[in-house]
Amino acid sequence: MKQILQTLFGPRANKTNAGALAEKFGLELRGDAKTEISGIAPIADAKPGQLTFYSTEKNAEAFRILPIETLHNTKASVIVLQPEQVNDAPKCATLLITDSPRNAMRKILGEIYREKPRRGISQNAHIESGVFFRDKKSVYVGPFAVIRRGAVIESNVVIESGAFVGAGAQIGANTFVGQNAFIDNATIGADCVIYNGASIGKDGFGFTREDGKNVFIPHVGRVILGERVSVGACSCIDRGLMSDTRVGDGTKIDNQCQIAHGVIIGKECFLAAQTGIAGGVVAGDRVLFGGKVGIANKVQIGDDAEIGANSGVFRNIPAGERIMGYPATNAFEYMKMHAWTRKQMKGDKK
């Protein structure tokens, strides 16, 4: 029964062959162009009829490359690989050759497992009068989604079941909004992905004390997301108090992250899971935030900075600096201090 259900409803590969992929993505072909592809699998698990890849590209210094024996022994019918690995591939396999197999695989995955576009608005969705659809026929809205009056929905948007889009919110073309996501007081750019349970545009954590009591400060700013931004499941991006909270083009935000009011994040940044950024922080372009990083109020972070996991940042970070630790300091200095501490502890034991 499990296999039947997976066959009916699981990811289904679109029919294609090695020649079609080579032509579409500009790959050099060696072998039979008519070799059909039934799916994609990791190189050690691939079976006849499947496509896999082997690469010596590194995403980081710590990235581990698979032993060449995995390429020798793979059963895959089609292999995407670099020119220098051609002679190590099984003689019976059809090869797709490129200088960047990882980049090629990104395109091939999207092609082979491309889902058919969904269209239509569920009868159980609640859409108030006054919602503007750029092209209503190209949009999908799932059951029990709510779209308030004044919202603007561009073409080819998908809004899954239970999602909420508030009055005045704008959703850019080709954007995906997951189940139970909340979007209000926000402008979302084109080609964005908002995963399940994300909250964008709620009031920030802004309070003052009056007569010994905590009193909320009304927020009037918005959230502005650029194009190709991804917001992970259960992440929160708060609207600005007076100025807008902004996230630049191409920035990717993992699950369970918190971005407070008035934060500005540049283009092409990465925020790993459970990162927390306090109000007023300004981060440049291509900044890397490790998991569980905490950034204090109004810290400024330069372009291309890297912040190690579990770091607590209380000072400004110059462009290109790598920091880690709590409180965070230069990564090289931190490792020297850690090594010195371990040395002292070993000395005490003697």
C-alpha atoms as a PDB file:
ATOM      1  CA  MET A   1       0.000   0.000   0.000  1.00  0.00           C
ATOM      2  CA  LYS A   2       2.828   2.388   0.898  1.00  0.00           C
ATOM      3  CA  GLN A   3       4.467   1.896  -2.492  1.00  0.00           C
ATOM      4  CA  ILE A   4       1.145   2.426  -4.256  1.00  0.00           C
ATOM      5  CA  LEU A   5       0.540   5.718  -2.417  1.00  0.00           C
ATOM      6  CA  GLN A   6       4.078   6.923  -3.128  1.00  0.00           C
ATOM      7  CA  THR A   7       3.630   6.073  -6.795  1.00  0.00           C
ATOM      8  CA  LEU A   8       0.321   7.932  -6.998  1.00  0.00           C
ATOM      9  CA  PHE A   9       1.094  11.009  -4.904  1.00  0.00           C
ATOM     10  CA  GLY A  10       4.886  11.183  -4.362  1.00  0.00           C
ATOM     11  CA  PRO A  11       7.348  13.221  -6.442  1.00  0.00           C
ATOM     12  CA  ARG A  12       7.058  12.066 -10.035  1.00  0.00           C
ATOM     13  CA  ALA A  13       9.835  12.564 -12.576  1.00  0.00           C
ATOM     14  CA  ASN A  14       8.925  14.090 -15.915  1.00  0.00           C
ATOM     15  CA  LYS A  15       9.928  11.940 -18.870  1.00  0.00           C
ATOM     16  CA  THR A  16      13.177  13.043 -20.495  1.00  0.00           C
ATOM     17  CA  ASN A  17      16.473  11.687 -21.789  1.00  0.00           C
ATOM     18  CA  ALA A  18      20.156  12.575 -21.646  1.00  0.00           C
ATOM     19  CA  GLY A  19      20.142  14.268 -25.044  1.00  0.00           C
ATOM     20  CA  ALA A  20      17.285  16.582 -24.142  1.00  0.00           C
ATOM     21  CA  LEU A  21      19.029  17.677 -20.932  1.00  0.00           C
ATOM     22  CA  ALA A  22      22.329  18.233 -22.734  1.00  0.00           C
ATOM     23  CA  GLU A  23      20.673  20.442 -25.334  1.00  0.00           C
ATOM     24  CA  LYS A  24      18.559  22.405 -22.853  1.00  0.00           C
ATOM     25  CA  PHE A  25      21.373  23.182 -20.392  1.00  0.00           C
ATOM     26  CA  GLY A  26      24.380  23.325 -22.715  1.00  0.00           C
ATOM     27  CA  LEU A  27      26.112  20.174 -21.419  1.00  0.00           C
ATOM     28  CA  GLU A  28      28.613  18.080 -23.375  1.00  0.00           C
ATOM     29  CA  LEU A  29      27.165  14.640 -24.111  1.00  0.00           C
ATOM     30  CA  ARG A  30      29.134  11.390 -24.299  1.00  0.00           C
ATOM     31  CA  GLY A  31      27.176   8.230 -24.838  1.00  0.00           C
ATOM     32  CA  ASP A  32      23.650   7.455 -25.981  1.00  0.00           C
ATOM     33  CA  ALA A  33      21.510  10.612 -26.250  1.00  0.00           C
ATOM     34  CA  LYS A  34      18.357   8.473 -26.058  1.00  0.00           C
ATOM     35  CA  THR A  35      19.151   7.130 -22.578  1.00  0.00           C
ATOM     36  CA  GLU A  36      15.922   7.626 -20.652  1.00  0.00           C
ATOM     37  CA  ILE A  37      15.894   8.979 -17.103  1.00  0.00           C
ATOM     38  CA  SER A  38      13.372   7.648 -14.587  1.00  0.00           C
ATOM     39  CA  GLY A  39      14.540   9.808 -11.674  1.00  0.00           C
ATOM     40  CA  ILE A  40      17.483  11.224  -9.715  1.00  0.00           C
ATOM     41  CA  ALA A  41      19.379   9.606  -6.831  1.00  0.00           C
ATOM     42  CA  PRO A  42      22.600  10.060  -4.803  1.00  0.00           C
ATOM     43  CA  ILE A  43      25.590   8.489  -6.516  1.00  0.00           C
ATOM     44  CA  ALA A  44      25.969   5.592  -4.034  1.00  0.00           C
ATOM     45  CA  ASP A  45      22.262   4.685  -4.211  1.00  0.00           C
ATOM     46  CA  ALA A  46      21.538   5.264  -7.905  1.00  0.00           C
ATOM     47  CA  LYS A  47      20.055   2.426  -9.937  1.00  0.00           C
ATOM     48  CA  PRO A  48      19.912   1.762 -13.698  1.00  0.00           C
ATOM     49  CA  GLY A  49      17.640   4.309 -15.348  1.00  0.00           C
ATOM     50  CA  GLN A  50      18.489   7.045 -12.831  1.00  0.00           C
ATOM     51  CA  LEU A  51      20.678  10.154 -13.097  1.00  0.00           C
ATOM     52  CA  THR A  52      23.323  11.154 -10.560  1.00  0.00           C
ATOM     53  CA  PHE A  53      26.350  13.460 -10.321  1.00  0.00           C
ATOM     54  CA  TYR A  54      29.936  13.538  -9.067  1.00  0.00           C
ATOM     55  CA  SER A  55      31.824  16.747  -8.315  1.00  0.00           C
ATOM     56  CA  THR A  56      35.018  17.946  -6.654  1.00  0.00           C
ATOM     57  CA  GLU A  57      33.570  21.452  -6.159  1.00  0.00           C
ATOM     58  CA  LYS A  58      33.727  22.780  -2.585  1.00  0.00           C
ATOM     59  CA  ASN A  59      31.136  24.997  -0.948  1.00  0.00           C
ATOM     60  CA  ALA A  60      33.461  25.610   2.022  1.00  0.00           C
ATOM     61  CA  GLU A  61      36.863  24.511   3.333  1.00  0.00           C
ATOM     62  CA  ALA A  62      35.226  21.874   5.536  1.00  0.00           C
ATOM     63  CA  PHE A  63      33.253  20.393   2.635  1.00  0.00           C
ATOM     64  CA  ARG A  64      34.078  16.722   2.115  1.00  0.00           C
ATOM     65  CA  ILE A  65      34.402  15.275  -1.381  1.00  0.00           C
ATOM     66  CA  LEU A  66      33.211  11.721  -1.951  1.00  0.00           C
ATOM     67  CA  PRO A  67      35.912   9.119  -2.731  1.00  0.00           C
ATOM     68  CA  ILE A  68      36.449   8.481  -6.421  1.00  0.00           C
ATOM     69  CA  GLU A  69      35.391   4.848  -5.801  1.00  0.00           C
ATOM     70  CA  THR A  70      31.787   6.017  -5.514  1.00  0.00           C
ATOM     71  CA  LEU A  71      31.998   7.152  -9.130  1.00  0.00           C
ATOM     72  CA  HIS A  72      33.672   3.874 -10.192  1.00  0.00           C
ATOM     73  CA  ASN A  73      30.924   1.775  -8.600  1.00  0.00           C
ATOM     74  CA  THR A  74      27.743   3.733  -9.340  1.00  0.00           C
ATOM     75  CA  LYS A  75      24.948   1.942 -11.186  1.00  0.00           C
ATOM     76  CA  ALA A  76      23.425   5.159 -12.562  1.00  0.00           C
ATOM     77  CA  SER A  77      22.673   5.254 -16.273  1.00  0.00           C
ATOM     78  CA  VAL A  78      23.436   8.986 -16.614  1.00  0.00           C
ATOM     79  CA  ILE A  79      26.168  10.860 -14.700  1.00  0.00           C
ATOM     80  CA  VAL A  80      26.778  14.596 -14.554  1.00  0.00           C
ATOM     81  CA  LEU A  81      30.484  15.202 -13.907  1.00  0.00           C
ATOM     82  CA  GLN A  82      33.524  17.378 -14.610  1.00  0.00           C
ATOM     83  CA  PRO A  83      35.864  16.769 -17.586  1.00  0.00           C
ATOM     84  CA  GLU A  84      38.667  15.499 -15.345  1.00  0.00           C
ATOM     85  CA  GLN A  85      36.470  12.675 -14.007  1.00  0.00           C
ATOM     86  CA  VAL A  86      35.407  11.269 -17.385  1.00  0.00           C
ATOM     87  CA  ASN A  87      37.981   8.464 -17.392  1.00  0.00           C
ATOM     88  CA  ASP A  88      36.870   7.326 -13.911  1.00  0.00           C
ATOM     89  CA  ALA A  89      33.209   6.877 -14.865  1.00  0.00           C
ATOM     90  CA  PRO A  90      31.706   3.461 -15.679  1.00  0.00           C
ATOM     91  CA  LYS A  91      32.117   2.697 -19.373  1.00  0.00           C
ATOM     92  CA  CYS A  92      28.438   1.822 -19.825  1.00  0.00           C
ATOM     93  CA  ALA A  93      27.120   5.142 -18.456  1.00  0.00           C
ATOM     94  CA  THR A  94      26.018   8.123 -20.511  1.00  0.00           C
ATOM     95  CA  LEU A  95      27.902  11.245 -19.391  1.00  0.00           C
ATOM     96  CA  LEU A  96      26.844  14.894 -19.184  1.00  0.00           C
ATOM     97  CA  ILE A  97      30.008  16.949 -18.816  1.00  0.00           C
ATOM     98  CA  THR A  98      30.269  20.420 -17.297  1.00  0.00           C
ATOM     99  CA  ASP A  99      32.704  22.475 -15.216  1.00  0.00           C
ATOM    100  CA  SER A 100      30.033  22.863 -12.505  1.00  0.00           C
ATOM    101  CA  PRO A 101      28.010  19.675 -11.913  1.00  0.00           C
ATOM    102  CA  ARG A 102      26.349  21.181  -8.805  1.00  0.00           C
ATOM    103  CA  ASN A 103      24.973  24.106 -10.765  1.00  0.00           C
ATOM    104  CA  ALA A 104      23.861  21.792 -13.562  1.00  0.00           C
ATOM    105  CA  MET A 105      22.085  19.526 -11.052  1.00  0.00           C
ATOM    106  CA  ARG A 106      20.183  22.500  -9.663  1.00  0.00           C
ATOM    107  CA  LYS A 107      18.745  23.098 -13.115  1.00  0.00           C
ATOM    108  CA  ILE A 108      18.160  19.407 -13.862  1.00  0.00           C
ATOM    109  CA  LEU A 109      16.299  18.818 -10.588  1.00  0.00           C
ATOM    110  CA  GLY A 110      13.984  21.703 -11.384  1.00  0.00           C
ATOM    111  CA  GLU A 111      13.392  20.337 -14.858  1.00  0.00           C
ATOM    112  CA  ILE A 112      12.816  16.674 -14.021  1.00  0.00           C
ATOM    113  CA  TYR A 113      10.643  17.252 -10.937  1.00  0.00           C
ATOM    114  CA  ARG A 114       8.900  20.385 -12.169  1.00  0.00           C
ATOM    115  CA  GLU A 115       5.317  20.421 -10.918  1.00  0.00           C
ATOM    116  CA  LYS A 116       2.468  21.373 -13.174  1.00  0.00           C
ATOM    117  CA  PRO A 117       1.216  24.861 -12.296  1.00  0.00           C
ATOM    118  CA  ARG A 118      -1.923  24.975 -10.185  1.00  0.00           C
ATOM    119  CA  ARG A 119      -4.709  27.392 -10.995  1.00  0.00           C
ATOM    120  CA  GLY A 120      -8.040  28.342  -9.476  1.00  0.00           C
ATOM    121  CA  ILE A 121      -9.527  29.670  -6.252  1.00  0.00           C
ATOM    122  CA  SER A 122     -11.082  27.285  -3.745  1.00  0.00           C
ATOM    123  CA  GLN A 123     -14.734  27.775  -2.898  1.00  0.00           C
ATOM    124  CA  ASN A 124     -13.708  27.572   0.755  1.00  0.00           C
ATOM    125  CA  ALA A 125     -11.280  30.490   0.489  1.00  0.00           C
ATOM    126  CA  HIS A 126     -12.449  33.840   1.879  1.00  0.00           C
ATOM    127  CA  ILE A 127     -11.613  36.700  -0.472  1.00  0.00           C
ATOM    128  CA  GLU A 128     -13.078  40.086   0.384  1.00  0.00           C
ATOM    129  CA  SER A 129     -14.307  42.460  -2.279  1.00  0.00           C
ATOM    130  CA  GLY A 130     -11.658  44.976  -3.250  1.00  0.00           C
ATOM    131  CA  VAL A 131      -8.777  42.496  -3.668  1.00  0.00           C
ATOM    132  CA  PHE A 132      -6.810  43.315  -6.828  1.00  0.00           C
ATOM    133  CA  PHE A 133      -5.679  40.345  -8.947  1.00  0.00           C
ATOM    134  CA  ARG A 134      -3.293  41.159 -11.795  1.00  0.00           C
ATOM    135  CA  ASP A 135      -4.295  37.961 -13.596  1.00  0.00           C
ATOM    136  CA  LYS A 136      -6.846  36.016 -11.581  1.00  0.00           C
ATOM    137  CA  LYS A 137      -6.790  33.019 -13.923  1.00  0.00           C
ATOM    138  CA  SER A 138      -3.084  32.433 -13.238  1.00  0.00           C
ATOM    139  CA  VAL A 139      -3.448  32.397  -9.418  1.00  0.00           C
ATOM    140  CA  TYR A 140      -4.072  29.514  -7.020  1.00  0.00           C
ATOM    141  CA  VAL A 141      -5.737  30.105  -3.633  1.00  0.00           C
ATOM    142  CA  GLY A 142      -6.263  27.075  -1.384  1.00  0.00           C
ATOM    143  CA  PRO A 143      -9.076  26.198   1.034  1.00  0.00           C
ATOM    144  CA  PHE A 144      -9.587  28.456   4.073  1.00  0.00           C
ATOM    145  CA  ALA A 145      -7.070  31.041   2.902  1.00  0.00           C
ATOM    146  CA  VAL A 146      -8.105  34.618   3.763  1.00  0.00           C
ATOM    147  CA  ILE A 147      -7.305  37.649   1.594  1.00  0.00           C
ATOM    148  CA  ARG A 148      -8.441  41.014   2.941  1.00  0.00           C
ATOM    149  CA  ARG A 149      -9.723  43.992   0.982  1.00  0.00           C
ATOM    150  CA  GLY A 150      -6.990  46.124  -0.573  1.00  0.00           C
ATOM    151  CA  ALA A 151      -4.466  43.309  -1.034  1.00  0.00           C
ATOM    152  CA  VAL A 152      -2.656  43.171  -4.381  1.00  0.00           C
ATOM    153  CA  ILE A 153      -1.909  39.755  -5.882  1.00  0.00           C
ATOM    154  CA  GLU A 154       0.304  39.653  -8.960  1.00  0.00           C
ATOM    155  CA  SER A 155       0.259  36.899 -11.605  1.00  0.00           C
ATOM    156  CA  ASN A 156       1.158  33.218 -11.001  1.00  0.00           C
ATOM    157  CA  VAL A 157       0.998  33.506  -7.206  1.00  0.00           C
ATOM    158  CA  VAL A 158       0.246  30.380  -5.136  1.00  0.00           C
ATOM    159  CA  ILE A 159      -1.435  30.905  -1.746  1.00  0.00           C
ATOM    160  CA  GLU A 160      -1.835  27.648   0.147  1.00  0.00           C
ATOM    161  CA  SER A 161      -4.604  26.633   2.542  1.00  0.00           C
ATOM    162  CA  GLY A 162      -5.026  28.591   5.761  1.00  0.00           C
ATOM    163  CA  ALA A 163      -2.752  31.464   4.730  1.00  0.00           C
ATOM    164  CA  PHE A 164      -3.686  35.035   5.659  1.00  0.00           C
ATOM    165  CA  VAL A 165      -2.987  38.057   3.447  1.00  0.00           C
ATOM    166  CA  GLY A 166      -3.915  41.344   5.083  1.00  0.00           C
ATOM    167  CA  ALA A 167      -5.384  44.550   3.711  1.00  0.00           C
ATOM    168  CA  GLY A 168      -2.817  46.463   1.686  1.00  0.00           C
ATOM    169  CA  ALA A 169      -0.342  43.575   1.480  1.00  0.00           C
ATOM    170  CA  GLN A 170       1.279  43.114  -1.930  1.00  0.00           C
ATOM    171  CA  ILE A 171       2.406  39.717  -3.239  1.00  0.00           C
ATOM    172  CA  GLY A 172       4.810  39.734  -6.198  1.00  0.00           C
ATOM    173  CA  ALA A 173       4.579  37.597  -9.319  1.00  0.00           C
ATOM    174  CA  ASN A 174       5.468  33.882  -9.111  1.00  0.00           C
ATOM    175  CA  THR A 175       5.623  33.983  -5.314  1.00  0.00           C
ATOM    176  CA  PHE A 176       4.657  30.959  -3.210  1.00  0.00           C
ATOM    177  CA  VAL A 177       2.891  31.432   0.141  1.00  0.00           C
ATOM    178  CA  GLY A 178       2.784  28.268   2.264  1.00  0.00           C
ATOM    179  CA  GLN A 179       0.104  26.882   4.535  1.00  0.00           C
ATOM    180  CA  ASN A 180      -0.892  29.032   7.526  1.00  0.00           C
ATOM    181  CA  ALA A 181       1.549  31.787   6.627  1.00  0.00           C
ATOM    182  CA  PHE A 182       0.671  35.301   7.838  1.00  0.00           C
ATOM    183  CA  ILE A 183       1.386  38.354   5.646  1.00  0.00           C
ATOM    184  CA  ASP A 184       0.252  41.852   6.599  1.00  0.00           C
ATOM    185  CA  ASN A 185       1.680  45.365   6.322  1.00  0.00           C
ATOM    186  CA  ALA A 186       4.135  43.974   3.792  1.00  0.00           C
ATOM    187  CA  THR A 187       5.304  44.161   0.196  1.00  0.00           C
ATOM    188  CA  ILE A 188       6.652  40.848  -1.100  1.00  0.00           C
ATOM    189  CA  GLY A 189       8.774  40.905  -4.269  1.00  0.00           C
ATOM    190  CA  ALA A 190       8.609  38.569  -7.242  1.00  0.00           C
ATOM    191  CA  ASP A 191       9.768  34.926  -7.103  1.00  0.00           C
ATOM    192  CA  CYS A 192       9.746  34.737  -3.302  1.00  0.00           C
ATOM    193  CA  VAL A 193       9.008  31.655  -1.190  1.00  0.00           C
ATOM    194  CA  ILE A 194       7.200  32.061   2.141  1.00  0.00           C
ATOM    195  CA  TYR A 195       7.113  28.689   3.900  1.00  0.00           C
ATOM    196  CA  ASN A 196       4.474  27.250   6.198  1.00  0.00           C
ATOM    197  CA  GLY A 197       3.698  29.172   9.366  1.00  0.00           C
ATOM    198  CA  ALA A 198       5.945  32.158   8.598  1.00  0.00           C
ATOM    199  CA  SER A 199       4.794  35.527   9.955  1.00  0.00           C
ATOM    200  CA  ILE A 200       5.614  38.677   8.011  1.00  0.00           C
ATOM    201  CA  GLY A 201       4.469  42.139   9.052  1.00  0.00           C
ATOM    202  CA  LYS A 202       3.161  41.684  12.582  1.00  0.00           C
ATOM    203  CA  ASP A 203       3.900  44.411  15.137  1.00  0.00           C
ATOM    204  CA  GLY A 204       7.417  44.406  16.560  1.00  0.00           C
ATOM    205  CA  PHE A 205       8.481  43.963  20.176  1.00  0.00           C
ATOM    206  CA  GLY A 206       8.304  47.684  20.915  1.00  0.00           C
ATOM    207  CA  PHE A 207       7.451  48.842  24.437  1.00  0.00           C
ATOM    208  CA  THR A 208       8.218  51.711  26.782  1.00  0.00           C
ATOM    209  CA  ARG A 209       7.677  52.204  30.509  1.00  0.00           C
ATOM    210  CA  GLU A 210       5.013  54.568  31.746  1.00  0.00           C
ATOM    211  CA  ASP A 211       4.145  54.891  35.430  1.00  0.00           C
ATOM    212  CA  GLY A 212       6.052  51.683  36.087  1.00  0.00           C
ATOM    213  CA  LYS A 213       4.110  49.695  33.489  1.00  0.00           C
ATOM    214  CA  ASN A 214       5.170  48.265  30.129  1.00  0.00           C
ATOM    215  CA  VAL A 215       3.256  50.148  27.434  1.00  0.00           C
ATOM    216  CA  PHE A 216       3.113  49.113  23.771  1.00  0.00           C
ATOM    217  CA  ILE A 217       4.291  51.575  21.103  1.00  0.00           C
ATOM    218  CA  PRO A 218       2.115  51.490  17.953  1.00  0.00           C
ATOM    219  CA  HIS A 219       3.962  50.408  14.810  1.00  0.00           C
ATOM    220  CA  VAL A 220       3.319  52.131  11.465  1.00  0.00           C
ATOM    221  CA  GLY A 221       6.177  50.775   9.312  1.00  0.00           C
ATOM    222  CA  ARG A 222       6.032  47.901   6.857  1.00  0.00           C
ATOM    223  CA  VAL A 223       8.102  44.906   5.793  1.00  0.00           C
ATOM    224  CA  ILE A 224       9.673  45.143   2.347  1.00  0.00           C
ATOM    225  CA  LEU A 225      11.048  41.919   0.845  1.00  0.00           C
ATOM    226  CA  GLY A 226      13.042  42.086  -2.389  1.00  0.00           C
ATOM    227  CA  GLU A 227      12.913  39.533  -5.183  1.00  0.00           C
ATOM    228  CA  ARG A 228      13.875  35.852  -4.744  1.00  0.00           C
ATOM    229  CA  VAL A 229      13.723  36.057  -0.955  1.00  0.00           C
ATOM    230  CA  SER A 230      13.017  32.822   0.936  1.00  0.00           C
ATOM    231  CA  VAL A 231      11.490  32.866   4.432  1.00  0.00           C
ATOM    232  CA  GLY A 232      11.606  29.554   6.332  1.00  0.00           C
ATOM    233  CA  ALA A 233       8.861  27.822   8.265  1.00  0.00           C
ATOM    234  CA  CYS A 234       7.824  29.530  11.515  1.00  0.00           C
ATOM    235  CA  SER A 235      10.176  32.476  10.971  1.00  0.00           C
ATOM    236  CA  CYS A 236       9.021  35.979  11.921  1.00  0.00           C
ATOM    237  CA  ILE A 237       9.829  39.310  10.277  1.00  0.00           C
ATOM    238  CA  ASP A 238       8.324  42.227  12.246  1.00  0.00           C
ATOM    239  CA  ARG A 239       7.084  45.442  10.673  1.00  0.00           C
ATOM    240  CA  GLY A 240       9.033  48.604  11.435  1.00  0.00           C
ATOM    241  CA  LEU A 241       8.038  50.947  14.226  1.00  0.00           C
ATOM    242  CA  MET A 242       8.334  54.083  12.050  1.00  0.00           C
ATOM    243  CA  SER A 243      10.797  52.995   9.346  1.00  0.00           C
ATOM    244  CA  ASP A 244      10.409  49.828   7.269  1.00  0.00           C
ATOM    245  CA  THR A 245      12.021  46.459   7.922  1.00  0.00           C
ATOM    246  CA  ARG A 246      13.837  45.483   4.712  1.00  0.00           C
ATOM    247  CA  VAL A 247      15.320  42.277   3.277  1.00  0.00           C
ATOM    248  CA  GLY A 248      17.323  42.480   0.048  1.00  0.00           C
ATOM    249  CA  ASP A 249      17.093  40.469  -3.156  1.00  0.00           C
ATOM    250  CA  GLY A 250      18.122  36.832  -3.001  1.00  0.00           C
ATOM    251  CA  THR A 251      18.470  36.596   0.778  1.00  0.00           C
ATOM    252  CA  LYS A 252      17.570  33.192   2.239  1.00  0.00           C
ATOM    253  CA  ILE A 253      16.140  32.897   5.756  1.00  0.00           C
ATOM    254  CA  ASP A 254      16.006  29.460   7.388  1.00  0.00           C
ATOM    255  CA  ASN A 255      13.359  28.098   9.763  1.00  0.00           C
ATOM    256  CA  GLN A 256      12.549  29.664  13.148  1.00  0.00           C
ATOM    257  CA  CYS A 257      14.434  32.916  12.635  1.00  0.00           C
ATOM    258  CA  GLN A 258      13.413  36.234  14.219  1.00  0.00           C
ATOM    259  CA  ILE A 259      13.998  39.583  12.493  1.00  0.00           C
ATOM    260  CA  ALA A 260      12.887  42.495  14.650  1.00  0.00           C
ATOM    261  CA  HIS A 261      11.449  45.883  13.723  1.00  0.00           C
ATOM    262  CA  GLY A 262      13.496  48.246  11.617  1.00  0.00           C
ATOM    263  CA  VAL A 263      16.174  45.697  10.664  1.00  0.00           C
ATOM    264  CA  ILE A 264      17.806  46.121   7.252  1.00  0.00           C
ATOM    265  CA  ILE A 265      19.397  43.040   5.648  1.00  0.00           C
ATOM    266  CA  GLY A 266      21.218  43.328   2.344  1.00  0.00           C
ATOM    267  CA  LYS A 267      21.244  41.184  -0.786  1.00  0.00           C
ATOM    268  CA  GLU A 268      22.209  37.500  -1.107  1.00  0.00           C
ATOM    269  CA  CYS A 269      22.603  36.873   2.641  1.00  0.00           C
ATOM    270  CA  PHE A 270      22.093  33.539   4.441  1.00  0.00           C
ATOM    271  CA  LEU A 271      20.448  33.272   7.869  1.00  0.00           C
ATOM    272  CA  ALA A 272      20.646  29.760   9.347  1.00  0.00           C
ATOM    273  CA  ALA A 273      17.975  28.386  11.683  1.00  0.00           C
ATOM    274  CA  GLN A 274      17.111  30.155  14.952  1.00  0.00           C
ATOM    275  CA  THR A 275      19.048  33.312  14.166  1.00  0.00           C
ATOM    276  CA  GLY A 276      17.693  36.245  16.176  1.00  0.00           C
ATOM    277  CA  ILE A 277      18.289  39.837  15.055  1.00  0.00           C
ATOM    278  CA  ALA A 278      17.282  42.685  17.385  1.00  0.00           C
ATOM    279  CA  GLY A 279      15.776  45.982  16.280  1.00  0.00           C
ATOM    280  CA  GLY A 280      17.705  48.516  14.237  1.00  0.00           C
ATOM    281  CA  VAL A 281      20.438  46.141  13.015  1.00  0.00           C
ATOM    282  CA  VAL A 282      21.855  46.936   9.577  1.00  0.00           C
ATOM    283  CA  ALA A 283      23.586  44.112   7.668  1.00  0.00           C
ATOM    284  CA  GLY A 284      25.282  44.495   4.288  1.00  0.00           C
ATOM    285  CA  ASP A 285      25.285  42.173   1.289  1.00  0.00           C
ATOM    286  CA  ARG A 286      26.317  38.486   1.278  1.00  0.00           C
ATOM    287  CA  VAL A 287      26.511  38.229   5.069  1.00  0.00           C
ATOM    288  CA  LEU A 288      26.452  34.688   6.502  1.00  0.00           C
ATOM    289  CA  PHE A 289      24.686  34.109   9.848  1.00  0.00           C
ATOM    290  CA  GLY A 290      25.301  30.685  11.429  1.00  0.00           C
ATOM    291  CA  GLY A 291      22.649  28.793  13.374  1.00  0.00           C
ATOM    292  CA  LYS A 292      21.446  30.299  16.694  1.00  0.00           C
ATOM    293  CA  VAL A 293      23.309  33.563  16.153  1.00  0.00           C
ATOM    294  CA  GLY A 294      22.092  36.481  18.265  1.00  0.00           C
ATOM    295  CA  ILE A 295      22.627  40.114  17.183  1.00  0.00           C
ATOM    296  CA  ALA A 296      22.154  42.962  19.691  1.00  0.00           C
ATOM    297  CA  ASN A 297      20.269  46.206  18.987  1.00  0.00           C
ATOM    298  CA  LYS A 298      21.591  48.582  16.331  1.00  0.00           C
ATOM    299  CA  VAL A 299      24.706  46.575  15.475  1.00  0.00           C
ATOM    300  CA  GLN A 300      26.079  47.283  11.996  1.00  0.00           C
ATOM    301  CA  ILE A 301      27.501  44.429   9.912  1.00  0.00           C
ATOM    302  CA  GLY A 302      29.630  44.999   6.804  1.00  0.00           C
ATOM    303  CA  ASP A 303      29.422  43.220   3.447  1.00  0.00           C
ATOM    304  CA  ASP A 304      30.682  39.613   3.252  1.00  0.00           C
ATOM    305  CA  ALA A 305      31.008  39.201   7.020  1.00  0.00           C
ATOM    306  CA  GLU A 306      30.662  35.667   8.432  1.00  0.00           C
ATOM    307  CA  ILE A 307      29.237  34.926  11.887  1.00  0.00           C
ATOM    308  CA  GLY A 308      29.798  31.459  13.363  1.00  0.00           C
ATOM    309  CA  ALA A 309      27.008  29.385  14.918  1.00  0.00           C
ATOM    310  CA  ASN A 310      25.920  30.175  18.496  1.00  0.00           C
ATOM    311  CA  SER A 311      27.686  33.539  18.436  1.00  0.00           C
ATOM    312  CA  GLY A 312      26.471  36.538  20.424  1.00  0.00           C
ATOM    313  CA  VAL A 313      27.266  39.805  18.626  1.00  0.00           C
ATOM    314  CA  PHE A 314      27.393  43.053  20.620  1.00  0.00           C
ATOM    315  CA  ARG A 315      29.710  45.193  18.466  1.00  0.00           C
ATOM    316  CA  ASN A 316      29.856  46.394  14.876  1.00  0.00           C
ATOM    317  CA  ILE A 317      31.472  43.980  12.414  1.00  0.00           C
ATOM    318  CA  PRO A 318      33.712  45.320   9.623  1.00  0.00           C
ATOM    319  CA  ALA A 319      33.225  44.109   6.064  1.00  0.00           C
ATOM    320  CA  GLY A 320      34.697  40.679   5.365  1.00  0.00           C
ATOM    321  CA  GLU A 321      35.471  39.802   8.999  1.00  0.00           C
ATOM    322  CA  ARG A 322      34.854  36.286  10.314  1.00  0.00           C
ATOM    323  CA  ILE A 323      33.744  36.202  13.950  1.00  0.00           C
ATOM    324  CA  MET A 324      32.533  33.592  16.406  1.00  0.00           C
ATOM    325  CA  GLY A 325      31.989  32.960  20.107  1.00  0.00           C
ATOM    326  CA  TYR A 326      30.128  34.626  22.975  1.00  0.00           C
ATOM    327  CA  PRO A 327      30.742  37.489  23.036  1.00  0.00           C
ATOM    328  CA  ALA A 328      31.763  37.207  19.394  1.00  0.00           C
ATOM    329  CA  THR A 329      35.322  38.097  18.444  1.00  0.00           C
ATOM    330  CA  ASN A 330      37.623  37.550  15.498  1.00  0.00           C
ATOM    331  CA  ALA A 331      37.417  33.849  14.556  1.00  0.00           C
ATOM    332  CA  PHE A 332      41.196  33.358  14.491  1.00  0.00           C
ATOM    333  CA  GLU A 333      41.598  35.009  17.902  1.00  0.00           C
ATOM    334  CA  TYR A 334      38.733  32.948  19.285  1.00  0.00           C
ATOM    335  CA  MET A 335      40.365  29.703  18.181  1.00  0.00           C
ATOM    336  CA  LYS A 336      43.703  30.802  19.692  1.00  0.00           C
ATOM    337  CA  MET A 337      41.970  31.545  23.012  1.00  0.00           C
ATOM    338  CA  HIS A 338      40.178  28.204  22.890  1.00  0.00           C
ATOM    339  CA  ALA A 339      43.448  26.365  22.211  1.00  0.00           C
ATOM    340  CA  TRP A 340      45.193  28.251  25.055  1.00  0.00           C
ATOM    341  CA  THR A 341      42.369  27.415  27.482  1.00  0.00           C
ATOM    342  CA  ARG A 342      42.517  23.720  26.583  1.00  0.00           C
ATOM    343  CA  LYS A 343      46.287  23.770  27.077  1.00  0.00           C
ATOM    344  CA  GLN A 344      45.920  25.298  30.542  1.00  0.00           C
ATOM    345  CA  MET A 345      43.279  22.742  31.529  1.00  0.00           C
ATOM    346  CA  LYS A 346      45.528  19.890  30.478  1.00  0.00           C
ATOM    347  CA  GLY A 347      48.359  21.436  32.460  1.00  0.00           C
ATOM    348  CA  ASP A 348      46.203  21.635  35.604  1.00  0.00           C
ATOM    349  CA  LYS A 349      45.400  17.942  35.336  1.00  0.00           C
ATOM    350  CA  LYS A 350      49.096  17.118  35.500  1.00  0.00           C
END
